[in-house]
Every structure is written in C-alpha cells, then in structure tokens.
PDB file of all heavy atoms in Angstrom:
ATOM      1  N   ASN A   1      -6.153  -0.215  13.182  1.00  0.00           N
ATOM      2  CA  ASN A   1      -6.245  -0.369  14.632  1.00  0.00           C
ATOM      3  C   ASN A   1      -4.924  -0.923  15.171  1.00  0.00           C
ATOM      4  O   ASN A   1      -4.372  -1.888  14.649  1.00  0.00           O
ATOM      5  CB  ASN A   1      -7.405  -1.329  14.953  1.00  0.00           C
ATOM      6  CG  ASN A   1      -7.559  -1.593  16.431  1.00  0.00           C
ATOM      7  OD1 ASN A   1      -6.898  -2.446  16.985  1.00  0.00           O
ATOM      8  ND2 ASN A   1      -8.463  -0.836  17.072  1.00  0.00           N
ATOM      9  N   SER A   2      -4.433  -0.324  16.247  1.00  0.00           N
ATOM     10  CA  SER A   2      -3.110  -0.696  16.760  1.00  0.00           C
ATOM     11  C   SER A   2      -3.058  -2.145  17.250  1.00  0.00           C
ATOM     12  O   SER A   2      -2.034  -2.827  17.095  1.00  0.00           O
ATOM     13  CB  SER A   2      -2.697   0.255  17.909  1.00  0.00           C
ATOM     14  OG  SER A   2      -3.649   0.190  18.964  1.00  0.00           O
ATOM     15  N   LYS A   3      -4.164  -2.656  17.828  1.00  0.00           N
ATOM     16  CA  LYS A   3      -4.161  -4.029  18.318  1.00  0.00           C
ATOM     17  C   LYS A   3      -4.071  -5.024  17.169  1.00  0.00           C
ATOM     18  O   LYS A   3      -3.370  -6.048  17.258  1.00  0.00           O
ATOM     19  CB  LYS A   3      -5.417  -4.301  19.147  1.00  0.00           C
ATOM     20  CG  LYS A   3      -5.451  -3.544  20.471  1.00  0.00           C
ATOM     21  CD  LYS A   3      -6.687  -3.917  21.283  1.00  0.00           C
ATOM     22  CE  LYS A   3      -6.674  -3.181  22.625  1.00  0.00           C
ATOM     23  NZ  LYS A   3      -7.893  -3.513  23.434  1.00  0.00           N
ATOM     24  N   VAL A   4      -4.761  -4.739  16.070  1.00  0.00           N
ATOM     25  CA  VAL A   4      -4.708  -5.626  14.896  1.00  0.00           C
ATOM     26  C   VAL A   4      -3.327  -5.549  14.260  1.00  0.00           C
ATOM     27  O   VAL A   4      -2.780  -6.564  13.822  1.00  0.00           O
ATOM     28  CB  VAL A   4      -5.817  -5.266  13.886  1.00  0.00           C
ATOM     29  CG1 VAL A   4      -5.708  -6.140  12.642  1.00  0.00           C
ATOM     30  CG2 VAL A   4      -7.198  -5.412  14.529  1.00  0.00           C
ATOM     31  N   VAL A   5      -2.763  -4.342  14.211  1.00  0.00           N
ATOM     32  CA  VAL A   5      -1.414  -4.187  13.679  1.00  0.00           C
ATOM     33  C   VAL A   5      -0.432  -5.046  14.469  1.00  0.00           C
ATOM     34  O   VAL A   5       0.416  -5.742  13.891  1.00  0.00           O
ATOM     35  CB  VAL A   5      -0.986  -2.705  13.692  1.00  0.00           C
ATOM     36  CG1 VAL A   5       0.523  -2.577  13.438  1.00  0.00           C
ATOM     37  CG2 VAL A   5      -1.769  -1.922  12.644  1.00  0.00           C
ATOM     38  N   GLU A   6      -0.527  -5.018  15.792  1.00  0.00           N
ATOM     39  CA  GLU A   6       0.362  -5.823  16.631  1.00  0.00           C
ATOM     40  C   GLU A   6       0.166  -7.315  16.375  1.00  0.00           C
ATOM     41  O   GLU A   6       1.118  -8.092  16.400  1.00  0.00           O
ATOM     42  CB  GLU A   6       0.130  -5.501  18.116  1.00  0.00           C
ATOM     43  CG  GLU A   6       0.688  -4.153  18.541  1.00  0.00           C
ATOM     44  CD  GLU A   6       2.181  -4.047  18.262  1.00  0.00           C
ATOM     45  OE1 GLU A   6       2.936  -4.971  18.656  1.00  0.00           O
ATOM     46  OE2 GLU A   6       2.589  -3.056  17.619  1.00  0.00           O
ATOM     47  N   MET A   7      -1.087  -7.711  16.128  1.00  0.00           N
ATOM     48  CA  MET A   7      -1.358  -9.109  15.827  1.00  0.00           C
ATOM     49  C   MET A   7      -0.632  -9.529  14.547  1.00  0.00           C
ATOM     50  O   MET A   7      -0.028 -10.602  14.484  1.00  0.00           O
ATOM     51  CB  MET A   7      -2.869  -9.312  15.660  1.00  0.00           C
ATOM     52  CG  MET A   7      -3.287 -10.771  15.488  1.00  0.00           C
ATOM     53  SD  MET A   7      -5.064 -10.928  15.109  1.00  0.00           S
ATOM     54  CE  MET A   7      -5.788 -10.067  16.503  1.00  0.00           C
ATOM     55  N   PHE A   8      -0.673  -8.674  13.530  1.00  0.00           N
ATOM     56  CA  PHE A   8       0.016  -8.956  12.282  1.00  0.00           C
ATOM     57  C   PHE A   8       1.514  -9.056  12.496  1.00  0.00           C
ATOM     58  O   PHE A   8       2.182  -9.949  11.959  1.00  0.00           O
ATOM     59  CB  PHE A   8      -0.289  -7.845  11.252  1.00  0.00           C
ATOM     60  CG  PHE A   8      -1.512  -8.086  10.433  1.00  0.00           C
ATOM     61  CD1 PHE A   8      -2.760  -8.159  11.029  1.00  0.00           C
ATOM     62  CD2 PHE A   8      -1.436  -8.239   9.055  1.00  0.00           C
ATOM     63  CE1 PHE A   8      -3.902  -8.371  10.271  1.00  0.00           C
ATOM     64  CE2 PHE A   8      -2.566  -8.457   8.288  1.00  0.00           C
ATOM     65  CZ  PHE A   8      -3.811  -8.526   8.906  1.00  0.00           C
ATOM     66  N   LYS A   9       2.056  -8.153  13.316  1.00  0.00           N
ATOM     67  CA  LYS A   9       3.509  -8.160  13.554  1.00  0.00           C
ATOM     68  C   LYS A   9       3.938  -9.358  14.393  1.00  0.00           C
ATOM     69  O   LYS A   9       5.042  -9.888  14.218  1.00  0.00           O
ATOM     70  CB  LYS A   9       3.930  -6.845  14.223  1.00  0.00           C
ATOM     71  CG  LYS A   9       3.844  -5.639  13.280  1.00  0.00           C
ATOM     72  CD  LYS A   9       4.562  -4.415  13.808  1.00  0.00           C
ATOM     73  CE  LYS A   9       3.825  -3.769  14.948  1.00  0.00           C
ATOM     74  NZ  LYS A   9       4.440  -2.467  15.337  1.00  0.00           N
ATOM     75  N   ASN A  10       3.073  -9.808  15.293  1.00  0.00           N
ATOM     76  CA  ASN A  10       3.417 -10.938  16.156  1.00  0.00           C
ATOM     77  C   ASN A  10       3.279 -12.284  15.457  1.00  0.00           C
ATOM     78  O   ASN A  10       3.857 -13.283  15.887  1.00  0.00           O
ATOM     79  CB  ASN A  10       2.534 -10.932  17.409  1.00  0.00           C
ATOM     80  CG  ASN A  10       2.854  -9.778  18.341  1.00  0.00           C
ATOM     81  OD1 ASN A  10       3.993  -9.275  18.340  1.00  0.00           O
ATOM     82  ND2 ASN A  10       1.893  -9.358  19.135  1.00  0.00           N
ATOM     83  N   TYR A  11       2.509 -12.315  14.342  1.00  0.00           N
ATOM     84  CA  TYR A  11       2.280 -13.574  13.633  1.00  0.00           C
ATOM     85  C   TYR A  11       2.571 -13.396  12.122  1.00  0.00           C
ATOM     86  O   TYR A  11       1.690 -13.549  11.281  1.00  0.00           O
ATOM     87  CB  TYR A  11       0.839 -14.048  13.835  1.00  0.00           C
ATOM     88  CG  TYR A  11       0.531 -14.411  15.268  1.00  0.00           C
ATOM     89  CD1 TYR A  11       0.018 -13.471  16.147  1.00  0.00           C
ATOM     90  CD2 TYR A  11       0.770 -15.711  15.734  1.00  0.00           C
ATOM     91  CE1 TYR A  11      -0.241 -13.800  17.473  1.00  0.00           C
ATOM     92  CE2 TYR A  11       0.497 -16.048  17.058  1.00  0.00           C
ATOM     93  CZ  TYR A  11      -0.003 -15.090  17.920  1.00  0.00           C
ATOM     94  OH  TYR A  11      -0.265 -15.420  19.234  1.00  0.00           O
ATOM     95  N   PRO A  12       3.820 -13.076  11.791  1.00  0.00           N
ATOM     96  CA  PRO A  12       4.151 -12.817  10.383  1.00  0.00           C
ATOM     97  C   PRO A  12       4.043 -14.054   9.493  1.00  0.00           C
ATOM     98  O   PRO A  12       3.928 -13.921   8.270  1.00  0.00           O
ATOM     99  CB  PRO A  12       5.611 -12.321  10.463  1.00  0.00           C
ATOM    100  CG  PRO A  12       6.155 -12.928  11.717  1.00  0.00           C
ATOM    101  CD  PRO A  12       5.003 -12.956  12.681  1.00  0.00           C
ATOM    102  N   ALA A  13       4.094 -15.245  10.089  1.00  0.00           N
ATOM    103  CA  ALA A  13       3.939 -16.468   9.283  1.00  0.00           C
ATOM    104  C   ALA A  13       2.477 -16.727   8.950  1.00  0.00           C
ATOM    105  O   ALA A  13       2.177 -17.546   8.083  1.00  0.00           O
ATOM    106  CB  ALA A  13       4.520 -17.665  10.037  1.00  0.00           C
ATOM    107  N   ARG A  14       1.579 -16.042   9.622  1.00  0.00           N
ATOM    108  CA  ARG A  14       0.143 -16.217   9.390  1.00  0.00           C
ATOM    109  C   ARG A  14      -0.472 -15.053   8.605  1.00  0.00           C
ATOM    110  O   ARG A  14      -1.219 -15.260   7.662  1.00  0.00           O
ATOM    111  CB  ARG A  14      -0.603 -16.377  10.725  1.00  0.00           C
ATOM    112  CG  ARG A  14      -0.177 -17.588  11.549  1.00  0.00           C
ATOM    113  CD  ARG A  14      -0.439 -18.878  10.813  1.00  0.00           C
ATOM    114  NE  ARG A  14      -0.055 -20.043  11.620  1.00  0.00           N
ATOM    115  CZ  ARG A  14       0.035 -21.270  11.146  1.00  0.00           C
ATOM    116  NH1 ARG A  14      -0.214 -21.505   9.870  1.00  0.00           N
ATOM    117  NH2 ARG A  14       0.400 -22.266  11.921  1.00  0.00           N
ATOM    118  N   TYR A  15      -0.126 -13.838   9.011  1.00  0.00           N
ATOM    119  CA  TYR A  15      -0.744 -12.657   8.396  1.00  0.00           C
ATOM    120  C   TYR A  15       0.279 -11.904   7.546  1.00  0.00           C
ATOM    121  O   TYR A  15       1.432 -11.723   7.961  1.00  0.00           O
ATOM    122  CB  TYR A  15      -1.286 -11.703   9.467  1.00  0.00           C
ATOM    123  CG  TYR A  15      -2.682 -12.010   9.943  1.00  0.00           C
ATOM    124  CD1 TYR A  15      -2.958 -12.197  11.297  1.00  0.00           C
ATOM    125  CD2 TYR A  15      -3.740 -12.083   9.039  1.00  0.00           C
ATOM    126  CE1 TYR A  15      -4.234 -12.459  11.743  1.00  0.00           C
ATOM    127  CE2 TYR A  15      -5.038 -12.352   9.473  1.00  0.00           C
ATOM    128  CZ  TYR A  15      -5.280 -12.535  10.823  1.00  0.00           C
ATOM    129  OH  TYR A  15      -6.548 -12.803  11.255  1.00  0.00           O
ATOM    130  N   SER A  16      -0.151 -11.454   6.392  1.00  0.00           N
ATOM    131  CA  SER A  16       0.666 -10.570   5.550  1.00  0.00           C
ATOM    132  C   SER A  16      -0.242  -9.561   4.880  1.00  0.00           C
ATOM    133  O   SER A  16      -1.471  -9.711   4.842  1.00  0.00           O
ATOM    134  CB  SER A  16       1.455 -11.361   4.503  1.00  0.00           C
ATOM    135  OG  SER A  16       0.582 -12.071   3.625  1.00  0.00           O
ATOM    136  N   LEU A  17       0.399  -8.530   4.332  1.00  0.00           N
ATOM    137  CA  LEU A  17      -0.332  -7.388   3.786  1.00  0.00           C
ATOM    138  C   LEU A  17       0.167  -7.097   2.370  1.00  0.00           C
ATOM    139  O   LEU A  17       1.366  -7.107   2.115  1.00  0.00           O
ATOM    140  CB  LEU A  17      -0.086  -6.168   4.682  1.00  0.00           C
ATOM    141  CG  LEU A  17      -1.152  -5.070   4.767  1.00  0.00           C
ATOM    142  CD1 LEU A  17      -2.449  -5.630   5.330  1.00  0.00           C
ATOM    143  CD2 LEU A  17      -0.629  -3.927   5.630  1.00  0.00           C
ATOM    144  N   SER A  18      -0.777  -6.894   1.439  1.00  0.00           N
ATOM    145  CA  SER A  18      -0.423  -6.457   0.092  1.00  0.00           C
ATOM    146  C   SER A  18      -1.276  -5.256  -0.283  1.00  0.00           C
ATOM    147  O   SER A  18      -2.131  -4.827   0.494  1.00  0.00           O
ATOM    148  CB  SER A  18      -0.624  -7.605  -0.914  1.00  0.00           C
ATOM    149  OG  SER A  18      -1.983  -8.027  -0.928  1.00  0.00           O
ATOM    150  N   MET A  19      -1.046  -4.715  -1.474  1.00  0.00           N
ATOM    151  CA  MET A  19      -1.765  -3.513  -1.905  1.00  0.00           C
ATOM    152  C   MET A  19      -2.988  -3.903  -2.735  1.00  0.00           C
ATOM    153  O   MET A  19      -2.943  -4.817  -3.541  1.00  0.00           O
ATOM    154  CB  MET A  19      -0.844  -2.632  -2.748  1.00  0.00           C
ATOM    155  CG  MET A  19       0.317  -2.044  -1.987  1.00  0.00           C
ATOM    156  SD  MET A  19       1.430  -1.054  -3.035  1.00  0.00           S
ATOM    157  CE  MET A  19       2.367  -2.369  -3.815  1.00  0.00           C
ATOM    158  N   HIS A  20      -4.063  -3.171  -2.524  1.00  0.00           N
ATOM    159  CA  HIS A  20      -5.300  -3.422  -3.280  1.00  0.00           C
ATOM    160  C   HIS A  20      -5.796  -2.107  -3.874  1.00  0.00           C
ATOM    161  O   HIS A  20      -6.674  -1.437  -3.333  1.00  0.00           O
ATOM    162  CB  HIS A  20      -6.350  -4.020  -2.333  1.00  0.00           C
ATOM    163  CG  HIS A  20      -7.590  -4.491  -3.033  1.00  0.00           C
ATOM    164  ND1 HIS A  20      -7.567  -5.255  -4.174  1.00  0.00           N
ATOM    165  CD2 HIS A  20      -8.906  -4.316  -2.716  1.00  0.00           C
ATOM    166  CE1 HIS A  20      -8.803  -5.529  -4.540  1.00  0.00           C
ATOM    167  NE2 HIS A  20      -9.631  -4.961  -3.683  1.00  0.00           N
ATOM    168  N   GLY A  21      -5.152  -1.755  -4.981  1.00  0.00           N
ATOM    169  CA  GLY A  21      -5.491  -0.478  -5.591  1.00  0.00           C
ATOM    170  C   GLY A  21      -4.949   0.696  -4.782  1.00  0.00           C
ATOM    171  O   GLY A  21      -4.171   0.514  -3.844  1.00  0.00           O
ATOM    172  N   SER A  22      -5.388   1.873  -5.159  1.00  0.00           N
ATOM    173  CA  SER A  22      -4.972   3.073  -4.427  1.00  0.00           C
ATOM    174  C   SER A  22      -6.189   3.710  -3.767  1.00  0.00           C
ATOM    175  O   SER A  22      -6.343   3.686  -2.549  1.00  0.00           O
ATOM    176  CB  SER A  22      -4.289   4.069  -5.364  1.00  0.00           C
ATOM    177  OG  SER A  22      -3.791   5.166  -4.633  1.00  0.00           O
ATOM    178  N   ASP A  23      -7.101   4.240  -4.584  1.00  0.00           N
ATOM    179  CA  ASP A  23      -8.361   4.775  -4.046  1.00  0.00           C
ATOM    180  C   ASP A  23      -9.460   3.717  -4.030  1.00  0.00           C
ATOM    181  O   ASP A  23     -10.471   3.870  -3.358  1.00  0.00           O
ATOM    182  CB  ASP A  23      -8.857   5.959  -4.877  1.00  0.00           C
ATOM    183  CG  ASP A  23      -7.952   7.168  -4.747  1.00  0.00           C
ATOM    184  OD1 ASP A  23      -7.390   7.348  -3.658  1.00  0.00           O
ATOM    185  OD2 ASP A  23      -7.794   7.906  -5.735  1.00  0.00           O
ATOM    186  N   HIS A  24      -9.286   2.639  -4.831  1.00  0.00           N
ATOM    187  CA  HIS A  24     -10.278   1.570  -4.964  1.00  0.00           C
ATOM    188  C   HIS A  24     -11.593   2.120  -5.508  1.00  0.00           C
ATOM    189  O   HIS A  24     -12.678   1.859  -4.990  1.00  0.00           O
ATOM    190  CB  HIS A  24     -10.497   0.854  -3.627  1.00  0.00           C
ATOM    191  CG  HIS A  24     -11.178  -0.496  -3.786  1.00  0.00           C
ATOM    192  ND1 HIS A  24     -12.539  -0.635  -3.900  1.00  0.00           N
ATOM    193  CD2 HIS A  24     -10.682  -1.740  -3.844  1.00  0.00           C
ATOM    194  CE1 HIS A  24     -12.856  -1.915  -4.008  1.00  0.00           C
ATOM    195  NE2 HIS A  24     -11.729  -2.616  -3.983  1.00  0.00           N
ATOM    196  N   THR A  25     -11.486   2.903  -6.568  1.00  0.00           N
ATOM    197  CA  THR A  25     -12.675   3.427  -7.238  1.00  0.00           C
ATOM    198  C   THR A  25     -12.975   2.589  -8.466  1.00  0.00           C
ATOM    199  O   THR A  25     -12.145   1.799  -8.921  1.00  0.00           O
ATOM    200  CB  THR A  25     -12.462   4.890  -7.661  1.00  0.00           C
ATOM    201  OG1 THR A  25     -11.264   4.970  -8.463  1.00  0.00           O
ATOM    202  CG2 THR A  25     -12.306   5.770  -6.445  1.00  0.00           C
ATOM    203  N   GLY A  26     -14.173   2.722  -9.017  1.00  0.00           N
ATOM    204  CA  GLY A  26     -14.576   1.928 -10.162  1.00  0.00           C
ATOM    205  C   GLY A  26     -13.664   2.158 -11.373  1.00  0.00           C
ATOM    206  O   GLY A  26     -13.423   3.295 -11.760  1.00  0.00           O
ATOM    207  N   GLY A  27     -13.165   1.078 -11.963  1.00  0.00           N
ATOM    208  CA  GLY A  27     -12.295   1.181 -13.130  1.00  0.00           C
ATOM    209  C   GLY A  27     -11.006   1.931 -12.856  1.00  0.00           C
ATOM    210  O   GLY A  27     -10.452   2.574 -13.760  1.00  0.00           O
ATOM    211  N   GLU A  28     -10.526   1.855 -11.626  1.00  0.00           N
ATOM    212  CA  GLU A  28      -9.362   2.648 -11.231  1.00  0.00           C
ATOM    213  C   GLU A  28      -8.155   2.399 -12.132  1.00  0.00           C
ATOM    214  O   GLU A  28      -7.429   3.320 -12.475  1.00  0.00           O
ATOM    215  CB  GLU A  28      -9.005   2.338  -9.773  1.00  0.00           C
ATOM    216  CG  GLU A  28      -7.840   3.174  -9.262  1.00  0.00           C
ATOM    217  CD  GLU A  28      -7.582   2.919  -7.786  1.00  0.00           C
ATOM    218  OE1 GLU A  28      -7.950   1.835  -7.285  1.00  0.00           O
ATOM    219  OE2 GLU A  28      -7.002   3.809  -7.132  1.00  0.00           O
ATOM    220  N   PHE A  29      -7.938   1.136 -12.513  1.00  0.00           N
ATOM    221  CA  PHE A  29      -6.810   0.805 -13.375  1.00  0.00           C
ATOM    222  C   PHE A  29      -7.290   0.408 -14.776  1.00  0.00           C
ATOM    223  O   PHE A  29      -6.551  -0.240 -15.520  1.00  0.00           O
ATOM    224  CB  PHE A  29      -5.974  -0.315 -12.753  1.00  0.00           C
ATOM    225  CG  PHE A  29      -5.161   0.140 -11.569  1.00  0.00           C
ATOM    226  CD1 PHE A  29      -5.705   0.167 -10.294  1.00  0.00           C
ATOM    227  CD2 PHE A  29      -3.839   0.568 -11.743  1.00  0.00           C
ATOM    228  CE1 PHE A  29      -4.952   0.590  -9.218  1.00  0.00           C
ATOM    229  CE2 PHE A  29      -3.091   1.001 -10.657  1.00  0.00           C
ATOM    230  CZ  PHE A  29      -3.647   1.013  -9.391  1.00  0.00           C
ATOM    231  N   GLY A  30      -8.489   0.816 -15.126  1.00  0.00           N
ATOM    232  CA  GLY A  30      -9.060   0.451 -16.419  1.00  0.00           C
ATOM    233  C   GLY A  30      -8.692   1.430 -17.514  1.00  0.00           C
ATOM    234  O   GLY A  30      -9.585   2.031 -18.157  1.00  0.00           O
ATOM    235  N   THR A  31      -7.438   1.656 -17.732  1.00  0.00           N
ATOM    236  CA  THR A  31      -6.969   2.549 -18.787  1.00  0.00           C
ATOM    237  C   THR A  31      -5.703   1.987 -19.404  1.00  0.00           C
ATOM    238  O   THR A  31      -4.977   1.208 -18.755  1.00  0.00           O
ATOM    239  CB  THR A  31      -6.699   3.967 -18.229  1.00  0.00           C
ATOM    240  OG1 THR A  31      -6.169   4.780 -19.289  1.00  0.00           O
ATOM    241  CG2 THR A  31      -5.691   3.917 -17.097  1.00  0.00           C
ATOM    242  N   LEU A  32      -5.441   2.359 -20.643  1.00  0.00           N
ATOM    243  CA  LEU A  32      -4.207   1.947 -21.309  1.00  0.00           C
ATOM    244  C   LEU A  32      -3.149   3.050 -21.273  1.00  0.00           C
ATOM    245  O   LEU A  32      -2.080   2.886 -21.853  1.00  0.00           O
ATOM    246  CB  LEU A  32      -4.502   1.564 -22.772  1.00  0.00           C
ATOM    247  CG  LEU A  32      -5.433   0.356 -22.969  1.00  0.00           C
ATOM    248  CD1 LEU A  32      -5.668   0.096 -24.451  1.00  0.00           C
ATOM    249  CD2 LEU A  32      -4.861  -0.880 -22.303  1.00  0.00           C
ATOM    250  N   ASP A  33      -3.475   4.162 -20.596  1.00  0.00           N
ATOM    251  CA  ASP A  33      -2.542   5.273 -20.482  1.00  0.00           C
ATOM    252  C   ASP A  33      -1.451   4.906 -19.471  1.00  0.00           C
ATOM    253  O   ASP A  33      -1.703   4.836 -18.264  1.00  0.00           O
ATOM    254  CB  ASP A  33      -3.291   6.531 -20.030  1.00  0.00           C
ATOM    255  CG  ASP A  33      -2.435   7.784 -20.100  1.00  0.00           C
ATOM    256  OD1 ASP A  33      -1.232   7.702 -19.745  1.00  0.00           O
ATOM    257  OD2 ASP A  33      -2.944   8.846 -20.486  1.00  0.00           O
ATOM    258  N   MET A  34      -0.244   4.662 -19.959  1.00  0.00           N
ATOM    259  CA  MET A  34       0.840   4.196 -19.088  1.00  0.00           C
ATOM    260  C   MET A  34       1.210   5.217 -18.029  1.00  0.00           C
ATOM    261  O   MET A  34       1.577   4.841 -16.911  1.00  0.00           O
ATOM    262  CB  MET A  34       2.059   3.843 -19.942  1.00  0.00           C
ATOM    263  CG  MET A  34       1.832   2.698 -20.917  1.00  0.00           C
ATOM    264  SD  MET A  34       1.325   1.175 -20.070  1.00  0.00           S
ATOM    265  CE  MET A  34       2.821   0.788 -19.169  1.00  0.00           C
ATOM    266  N   GLU A  35       1.111   6.501 -18.340  1.00  0.00           N
ATOM    267  CA  GLU A  35       1.449   7.533 -17.362  1.00  0.00           C
ATOM    268  C   GLU A  35       0.451   7.526 -16.200  1.00  0.00           C
ATOM    269  O   GLU A  35       0.831   7.654 -15.031  1.00  0.00           O
ATOM    270  CB  GLU A  35       1.500   8.901 -18.017  1.00  0.00           C
ATOM    271  CG  GLU A  35       2.679   9.080 -18.976  1.00  0.00           C
ATOM    272  CD  GLU A  35       2.787  10.512 -19.477  1.00  0.00           C
ATOM    273  OE1 GLU A  35       1.969  11.357 -19.030  1.00  0.00           O
ATOM    274  OE2 GLU A  35       3.679  10.788 -20.295  1.00  0.00           O
ATOM    275  N   VAL A  36      -0.827   7.370 -16.536  1.00  0.00           N
ATOM    276  CA  VAL A  36      -1.858   7.321 -15.496  1.00  0.00           C
ATOM    277  C   VAL A  36      -1.679   6.082 -14.624  1.00  0.00           C
ATOM    278  O   VAL A  36      -1.750   6.152 -13.396  1.00  0.00           O
ATOM    279  CB  VAL A  36      -3.264   7.324 -16.135  1.00  0.00           C
ATOM    280  CG1 VAL A  36      -4.341   7.085 -15.061  1.00  0.00           C
ATOM    281  CG2 VAL A  36      -3.516   8.655 -16.857  1.00  0.00           C
ATOM    282  N   LEU A  37      -1.413   4.929 -15.264  1.00  0.00           N
ATOM    283  CA  LEU A  37      -1.214   3.697 -14.512  1.00  0.00           C
ATOM    284  C   LEU A  37      -0.001   3.807 -13.595  1.00  0.00           C
ATOM    285  O   LEU A  37      -0.037   3.359 -12.438  1.00  0.00           O
ATOM    286  CB  LEU A  37      -1.046   2.519 -15.480  1.00  0.00           C
ATOM    287  CG  LEU A  37      -2.286   2.113 -16.284  1.00  0.00           C
ATOM    288  CD1 LEU A  37      -1.942   1.050 -17.317  1.00  0.00           C
ATOM    289  CD2 LEU A  37      -3.391   1.594 -15.360  1.00  0.00           C
TER     290      LEU A  37
END
C-alpha cells in the first residue's frame, strides 16, 4: 500500500524491511542442495 510505504520512508529510524523467504512455502529452505538454496 502506497500510504504504508510512505510511512516507512518518512520514519526510517523506526521502520525497516528485510526478506522473509521467497515464496514462503513449507520447508522452502529445508534442503542441503546448494544450487537450490
């Protein structure tokens, strides 16, 4: 949402964004295959 995005940009000392998986499916990173990871 554009309004929430603006809130994040206006308050960078309060809000930040990181990554939480890609598709967020069950066991998404549950493999030892380095190429898949």
